[in-house]
């Protein structure tokens, strides 16, 4: 009689343990999905904000042209920069949209996030390399920038912009690392 009661108790405990295990897995999966979505949303907001920034400044440059402040060559240079930056932002938004947790495996998500990180770093390096020739071309194209005060203003403005850009870059890298970590955790959880 005691053996039957022990078996019954054991069976009930196993059933409760299985239910608890299923619940725990579901809760952990939801938590990891929420963390993934939060990191991805931060990155998406950042990329969309910079796309809007590119569009607004592209319009601002055209306004400066029509008011006679910028020459045609200066407008072409600045518009080219903002259009290329805008296209890059659209591409990064496209990459983020392809990271769908319900349609991609965790290995694919991890691969896409790492690719996104590499592309972000490459863009920063290329941007830093191209900033000096850009400023040189600005001074060459705009005769108003050929005096000491204007060049000083460009250097100070460029330095402030560079500082803000680097701060945002490192903040964004933390968000990308958080996204990668959430994918790694999902992959580890799936392997268990």
C-alpha atoms as a PDB file:
ATOM      1  CA  UNK A   1       0.000   0.000   0.000  1.00  0.00           C
ATOM      2  CA  UNK A   2       2.765   2.427   0.838  1.00  0.00           C
ATOM      3  CA  UNK A   3       4.562   1.649  -2.412  1.00  0.00           C
ATOM      4  CA  UNK A   4       1.438   2.579  -4.417  1.00  0.00           C
ATOM      5  CA  UNK A   5       1.095   5.853  -2.517  1.00  0.00           C
ATOM      6  CA  UNK A   6       4.768   6.640  -3.103  1.00  0.00           C
ATOM      7  CA  UNK A   7       4.358   5.915  -6.835  1.00  0.00           C
ATOM      8  CA  UNK A   8       1.257   8.098  -6.963  1.00  0.00           C
ATOM      9  CA  UNK A   9       2.995  10.927  -5.115  1.00  0.00           C
ATOM     10  CA  UNK A  10       6.017  10.557  -7.345  1.00  0.00           C
ATOM     11  CA  UNK A  11       3.818  10.701 -10.432  1.00  0.00           C
ATOM     12  CA  UNK A  12       2.034  13.836  -9.166  1.00  0.00           C
ATOM     13  CA  UNK A  13       5.368  15.479  -8.403  1.00  0.00           C
ATOM     14  CA  UNK A  14       6.644  14.625 -11.889  1.00  0.00           C
ATOM     15  CA  UNK A  15       3.551  16.165 -13.476  1.00  0.00           C
ATOM     16  CA  UNK A  16       3.878  19.345 -11.417  1.00  0.00           C
ATOM     17  CA  UNK A  17       7.582  19.509 -12.203  1.00  0.00           C
ATOM     18  CA  UNK A  18       6.887  19.149 -15.942  1.00  0.00           C
ATOM     19  CA  UNK A  19       4.258  21.924 -15.781  1.00  0.00           C
ATOM     20  CA  UNK A  20       6.652  24.143 -13.854  1.00  0.00           C
ATOM     21  CA  UNK A  21       9.447  23.418 -16.323  1.00  0.00           C
ATOM     22  CA  UNK A  22       7.219  24.324 -19.280  1.00  0.00           C
ATOM     23  CA  UNK A  23       6.130  27.507 -17.520  1.00  0.00           C
ATOM     24  CA  UNK A  24       9.727  28.421 -16.679  1.00  0.00           C
ATOM     25  CA  UNK A  25      10.832  27.868 -20.280  1.00  0.00           C
ATOM     26  CA  UNK A  26       7.998  30.012 -21.551  1.00  0.00           C
ATOM     27  CA  UNK A  27       8.799  32.792 -19.068  1.00  0.00           C
ATOM     28  CA  UNK A  28      12.509  32.716 -19.911  1.00  0.00           C
ATOM     29  CA  UNK A  29      11.751  32.764 -23.633  1.00  0.00           C
ATOM     30  CA  UNK A  30       9.404  35.733 -23.182  1.00  0.00           C
ATOM     31  CA  UNK A  31      12.019  37.546 -21.089  1.00  0.00           C
ATOM     32  CA  UNK A  32      14.720  36.962 -23.708  1.00  0.00           C
ATOM     33  CA  UNK A  33      12.362  38.034 -26.504  1.00  0.00           C
ATOM     34  CA  UNK A  34      11.508  41.211 -24.595  1.00  0.00           C
ATOM     35  CA  UNK A  35      15.183  42.009 -24.064  1.00  0.00           C
ATOM     36  CA  UNK A  36      15.851  41.371 -27.761  1.00  0.00           C
ATOM     37  CA  UNK A  37      12.958  43.598 -28.801  1.00  0.00           C
ATOM     38  CA  UNK A  38      14.045  46.377 -26.438  1.00  0.00           C
ATOM     39  CA  UNK A  39      17.604  46.450 -27.810  1.00  0.00           C
ATOM     40  CA  UNK A  40      16.344  46.246 -31.382  1.00  0.00           C
ATOM     41  CA  UNK A  41      13.821  49.050 -30.782  1.00  0.00           C
ATOM     42  CA  UNK A  42      16.561  51.322 -29.403  1.00  0.00           C
ATOM     43  CA  UNK A  43      18.685  50.706 -32.473  1.00  0.00           C
ATOM     44  CA  UNK A  44      15.722  51.236 -34.792  1.00  0.00           C
ATOM     45  CA  UNK A  45      14.851  54.566 -33.141  1.00  0.00           C
ATOM     46  CA  UNK A  46      18.480  55.640 -33.477  1.00  0.00           C
ATOM     47  CA  UNK A  47      18.660  54.730 -37.176  1.00  0.00           C
ATOM     48  CA  UNK A  48      15.309  56.374 -37.977  1.00  0.00           C
ATOM     49  CA  UNK A  49      16.341  59.532 -36.078  1.00  0.00           C
ATOM     50  CA  UNK A  50      19.507  59.774 -38.151  1.00  0.00           C
ATOM     51  CA  UNK A  51      17.540  59.199 -41.356  1.00  0.00           C
ATOM     52  CA  UNK A  52      15.289  62.116 -40.382  1.00  0.00           C
ATOM     53  CA  UNK A  53      18.419  64.119 -39.501  1.00  0.00           C
ATOM     54  CA  UNK A  54      19.796  63.476 -43.020  1.00  0.00           C
ATOM     55  CA  UNK A  55      16.529  64.533 -44.662  1.00  0.00           C
ATOM     56  CA  UNK A  56      16.199  67.696 -42.558  1.00  0.00           C
ATOM     57  CA  UNK A  57      19.781  68.782 -43.162  1.00  0.00           C
ATOM     58  CA  UNK A  58      19.470  68.023 -46.859  1.00  0.00           C
ATOM     59  CA  UNK A  59      16.534  70.430 -46.947  1.00  0.00           C
ATOM     60  CA  UNK A  60      18.465  72.950 -44.844  1.00  0.00           C
ATOM     61  CA  UNK A  61      21.374  72.902 -47.321  1.00  0.00           C
ATOM     62  CA  UNK A  62      18.957  73.585 -50.176  1.00  0.00           C
ATOM     63  CA  UNK A  63      17.515  76.495 -48.203  1.00  0.00           C
ATOM     64  CA  UNK A  64      21.008  77.923 -47.757  1.00  0.00           C
ATOM     65  CA  UNK A  65      21.561  77.611 -51.513  1.00  0.00           C
ATOM     66  CA  UNK A  66      18.369  79.462 -52.391  1.00  0.00           C
ATOM     67  CA  UNK A  67      19.217  82.234 -49.947  1.00  0.00           C
ATOM     68  CA  UNK A  68      22.596  82.623 -51.665  1.00  0.00           C
ATOM     69  CA  UNK A  69      24.739  81.496 -48.735  1.00  0.00           C
ATOM     70  CA  UNK A  70      26.119  78.335 -50.393  1.00  0.00           C
ATOM     71  CA  UNK A  71      27.514  78.001 -53.889  1.00  0.00           C
ATOM     72  CA  UNK A  72      26.366  75.288 -56.296  1.00  0.00           C
ATOM     73  CA  UNK A  73      29.516  73.226 -55.730  1.00  0.00           C
ATOM     74  CA  UNK A  74      29.076  73.452 -51.953  1.00  0.00           C
ATOM     75  CA  UNK A  75      25.431  72.359 -52.241  1.00  0.00           C
ATOM     76  CA  UNK A  76      26.380  69.432 -54.470  1.00  0.00           C
ATOM     77  CA  UNK A  77      29.031  68.343 -51.958  1.00  0.00           C
ATOM     78  CA  UNK A  78      26.741  68.628 -48.932  1.00  0.00           C
ATOM     79  CA  UNK A  79      23.728  67.079 -50.685  1.00  0.00           C
ATOM     80  CA  UNK A  80      25.898  64.156 -51.810  1.00  0.00           C
ATOM     81  CA  UNK A  81      27.017  63.582 -48.219  1.00  0.00           C
ATOM     82  CA  UNK A  82      23.481  63.729 -46.816  1.00  0.00           C
ATOM     83  CA  UNK A  83      21.988  61.572 -49.584  1.00  0.00           C
ATOM     84  CA  UNK A  84      24.682  58.903 -49.135  1.00  0.00           C
ATOM     85  CA  UNK A  85      24.175  59.004 -45.367  1.00  0.00           C
ATOM     86  CA  UNK A  86      20.400  58.712 -45.868  1.00  0.00           C
ATOM     87  CA  UNK A  87      20.812  55.710 -48.171  1.00  0.00           C
ATOM     88  CA  UNK A  88      23.101  54.103 -45.580  1.00  0.00           C
ATOM     89  CA  UNK A  89      20.495  54.697 -42.864  1.00  0.00           C
ATOM     90  CA  UNK A  90      17.773  53.087 -45.010  1.00  0.00           C
ATOM     91  CA  UNK A  91      20.038  50.068 -45.532  1.00  0.00           C
ATOM     92  CA  UNK A  92      20.661  49.733 -41.782  1.00  0.00           C
ATOM     93  CA  UNK A  93      16.932  50.018 -41.067  1.00  0.00           C
ATOM     94  CA  UNK A  94      16.401  47.271 -43.651  1.00  0.00           C
ATOM     95  CA  UNK A  95      18.997  45.090 -41.875  1.00  0.00           C
ATOM     96  CA  UNK A  96      17.310  45.620 -38.511  1.00  0.00           C
ATOM     97  CA  UNK A  97      13.902  44.765 -39.996  1.00  0.00           C
ATOM     98  CA  UNK A  98      15.303  41.470 -41.269  1.00  0.00           C
ATOM     99  CA  UNK A  99      16.092  40.413 -37.676  1.00  0.00           C
ATOM    100  CA  UNK A 100      12.716  38.793 -37.026  1.00  0.00           C
ATOM    101  CA  UNK A 101      12.776  36.471 -34.049  1.00  0.00           C
ATOM    102  CA  UNK A 102       9.739  34.528 -35.256  1.00  0.00           C
ATOM    103  CA  UNK A 103      11.072  33.820 -38.778  1.00  0.00           C
ATOM    104  CA  UNK A 104      14.827  33.437 -38.246  1.00  0.00           C
ATOM    105  CA  UNK A 105      16.744  30.874 -36.259  1.00  0.00           C
ATOM    106  CA  UNK A 106      18.801  32.155 -33.364  1.00  0.00           C
ATOM    107  CA  UNK A 107      21.986  31.367 -35.292  1.00  0.00           C
ATOM    108  CA  UNK A 108      20.755  33.535 -38.193  1.00  0.00           C
ATOM    109  CA  UNK A 109      19.762  36.325 -35.802  1.00  0.00           C
ATOM    110  CA  UNK A 110      23.179  36.219 -34.179  1.00  0.00           C
ATOM    111  CA  UNK A 111      24.895  36.279 -37.574  1.00  0.00           C
ATOM    112  CA  UNK A 112      22.791  39.264 -38.714  1.00  0.00           C
ATOM    113  CA  UNK A 113      23.461  41.185 -35.493  1.00  0.00           C
ATOM    114  CA  UNK A 114      27.216  40.615 -35.770  1.00  0.00           C
ATOM    115  CA  UNK A 115      27.103  41.755 -39.405  1.00  0.00           C
ATOM    116  CA  UNK A 116      25.204  44.872 -38.311  1.00  0.00           C
ATOM    117  CA  UNK A 117      27.900  45.583 -35.731  1.00  0.00           C
ATOM    118  CA  UNK A 118      30.725  45.151 -38.260  1.00  0.00           C
ATOM    119  CA  UNK A 119      28.969  47.425 -40.758  1.00  0.00           C
ATOM    120  CA  UNK A 120      28.443  50.057 -38.069  1.00  0.00           C
ATOM    121  CA  UNK A 121      32.129  49.997 -37.166  1.00  0.00           C
ATOM    122  CA  UNK A 122      33.150  50.127 -40.839  1.00  0.00           C
ATOM    123  CA  UNK A 123      30.927  53.141 -41.420  1.00  0.00           C
ATOM    124  CA  UNK A 124      32.516  54.959 -38.509  1.00  0.00           C
ATOM    125  CA  UNK A 125      36.057  54.238 -39.693  1.00  0.00           C
ATOM    126  CA  UNK A 126      35.264  55.275 -43.277  1.00  0.00           C
ATOM    127  CA  UNK A 127      33.478  58.397 -42.015  1.00  0.00           C
ATOM    128  CA  UNK A 128      36.443  59.405 -39.873  1.00  0.00           C
ATOM    129  CA  UNK A 129      38.806  58.892 -42.811  1.00  0.00           C
ATOM    130  CA  UNK A 130      36.616  60.953 -45.166  1.00  0.00           C
ATOM    131  CA  UNK A 131      35.991  63.841 -42.769  1.00  0.00           C
ATOM    132  CA  UNK A 132      39.322  65.569 -43.512  1.00  0.00           C
ATOM    133  CA  UNK A 133      38.903  65.593 -47.321  1.00  0.00           C
ATOM    134  CA  UNK A 134      35.310  66.765 -46.813  1.00  0.00           C
ATOM    135  CA  UNK A 135      36.459  69.782 -44.808  1.00  0.00           C
ATOM    136  CA  UNK A 136      39.192  70.532 -47.350  1.00  0.00           C
ATOM    137  CA  UNK A 137      36.619  70.436 -50.157  1.00  0.00           C
ATOM    138  CA  UNK A 138      34.277  72.669 -48.153  1.00  0.00           C
ATOM    139  CA  UNK A 139      37.015  75.296 -47.785  1.00  0.00           C
ATOM    140  CA  UNK A 140      37.913  74.998 -51.484  1.00  0.00           C
ATOM    141  CA  UNK A 141      34.291  75.273 -52.696  1.00  0.00           C
ATOM    142  CA  UNK A 142      33.113  78.047 -50.394  1.00  0.00           C
ATOM    143  CA  UNK A 143      35.157  81.226 -50.754  1.00  0.00           C
ATOM    144  CA  UNK A 144      33.537  82.582 -47.566  1.00  0.00           C
ATOM    145  CA  UNK A 145      35.396  79.899 -45.601  1.00  0.00           C
ATOM    146  CA  UNK A 146      38.829  81.139 -46.671  1.00  0.00           C
ATOM    147  CA  UNK A 147      39.332  83.419 -43.674  1.00  0.00           C
ATOM    148  CA  UNK A 148      40.665  82.490 -40.255  1.00  0.00           C
ATOM    149  CA  UNK A 149      37.409  83.047 -38.362  1.00  0.00           C
ATOM    150  CA  UNK A 150      35.390  80.832 -40.746  1.00  0.00           C
ATOM    151  CA  UNK A 151      38.001  78.062 -40.744  1.00  0.00           C
ATOM    152  CA  UNK A 152      38.127  78.223 -36.935  1.00  0.00           C
ATOM    153  CA  UNK A 153      34.313  77.938 -36.865  1.00  0.00           C
ATOM    154  CA  UNK A 154      34.419  74.929 -39.186  1.00  0.00           C
ATOM    155  CA  UNK A 155      37.103  73.261 -37.058  1.00  0.00           C
ATOM    156  CA  UNK A 156      35.257  73.944 -33.788  1.00  0.00           C
ATOM    157  CA  UNK A 157      31.918  72.847 -35.274  1.00  0.00           C
ATOM    158  CA  UNK A 158      33.507  69.774 -36.801  1.00  0.00           C
ATOM    159  CA  UNK A 159      35.189  68.889 -33.505  1.00  0.00           C
ATOM    160  CA  UNK A 160      31.936  69.230 -31.579  1.00  0.00           C
ATOM    161  CA  UNK A 161      30.123  67.159 -34.218  1.00  0.00           C
ATOM    162  CA  UNK A 162      32.864  64.543 -34.108  1.00  0.00           C
ATOM    163  CA  UNK A 163      32.672  64.383 -30.300  1.00  0.00           C
ATOM    164  CA  UNK A 164      28.887  64.004 -30.312  1.00  0.00           C
ATOM    165  CA  UNK A 165      29.138  61.430 -33.101  1.00  0.00           C
ATOM    166  CA  UNK A 166      31.670  59.342 -31.188  1.00  0.00           C
ATOM    167  CA  UNK A 167      29.597  59.480 -27.993  1.00  0.00           C
ATOM    168  CA  UNK A 168      26.535  58.301 -29.939  1.00  0.00           C
ATOM    169  CA  UNK A 169      28.641  55.640 -31.679  1.00  0.00           C
ATOM    170  CA  UNK A 170      29.789  54.124 -28.369  1.00  0.00           C
ATOM    171  CA  UNK A 171      26.249  54.277 -26.956  1.00  0.00           C
ATOM    172  CA  UNK A 172      24.964  52.540 -30.065  1.00  0.00           C
ATOM    173  CA  UNK A 173      27.682  49.888 -29.829  1.00  0.00           C
ATOM    174  CA  UNK A 174      26.431  49.083 -26.311  1.00  0.00           C
ATOM    175  CA  UNK A 175      22.926  48.603 -27.729  1.00  0.00           C
ATOM    176  CA  UNK A 176      24.283  46.366 -30.499  1.00  0.00           C
ATOM    177  CA  UNK A 177      26.251  44.355 -27.921  1.00  0.00           C
ATOM    178  CA  UNK A 178      23.060  44.004 -25.878  1.00  0.00           C
ATOM    179  CA  UNK A 179      21.228  42.719 -28.956  1.00  0.00           C
ATOM    180  CA  UNK A 180      24.028  40.222 -29.680  1.00  0.00           C
ATOM    181  CA  UNK A 181      24.008  39.080 -26.040  1.00  0.00           C
ATOM    182  CA  UNK A 182      20.260  38.505 -26.150  1.00  0.00           C
ATOM    183  CA  UNK A 183      20.705  36.361 -29.282  1.00  0.00           C
ATOM    184  CA  UNK A 184      23.535  34.416 -27.642  1.00  0.00           C
ATOM    185  CA  UNK A 185      21.366  33.822 -24.584  1.00  0.00           C
ATOM    186  CA  UNK A 186      18.517  32.652 -26.812  1.00  0.00           C
ATOM    187  CA  UNK A 187      20.891  30.327 -28.642  1.00  0.00           C
ATOM    188  CA  UNK A 188      22.233  28.922 -25.352  1.00  0.00           C
ATOM    189  CA  UNK A 189      18.674  28.487 -24.078  1.00  0.00           C
ATOM    190  CA  UNK A 190      17.628  26.711 -27.305  1.00  0.00           C
ATOM    191  CA  UNK A 191      20.606  24.345 -26.981  1.00  0.00           C
ATOM    192  CA  UNK A 192      19.583  23.278 -23.470  1.00  0.00           C
END
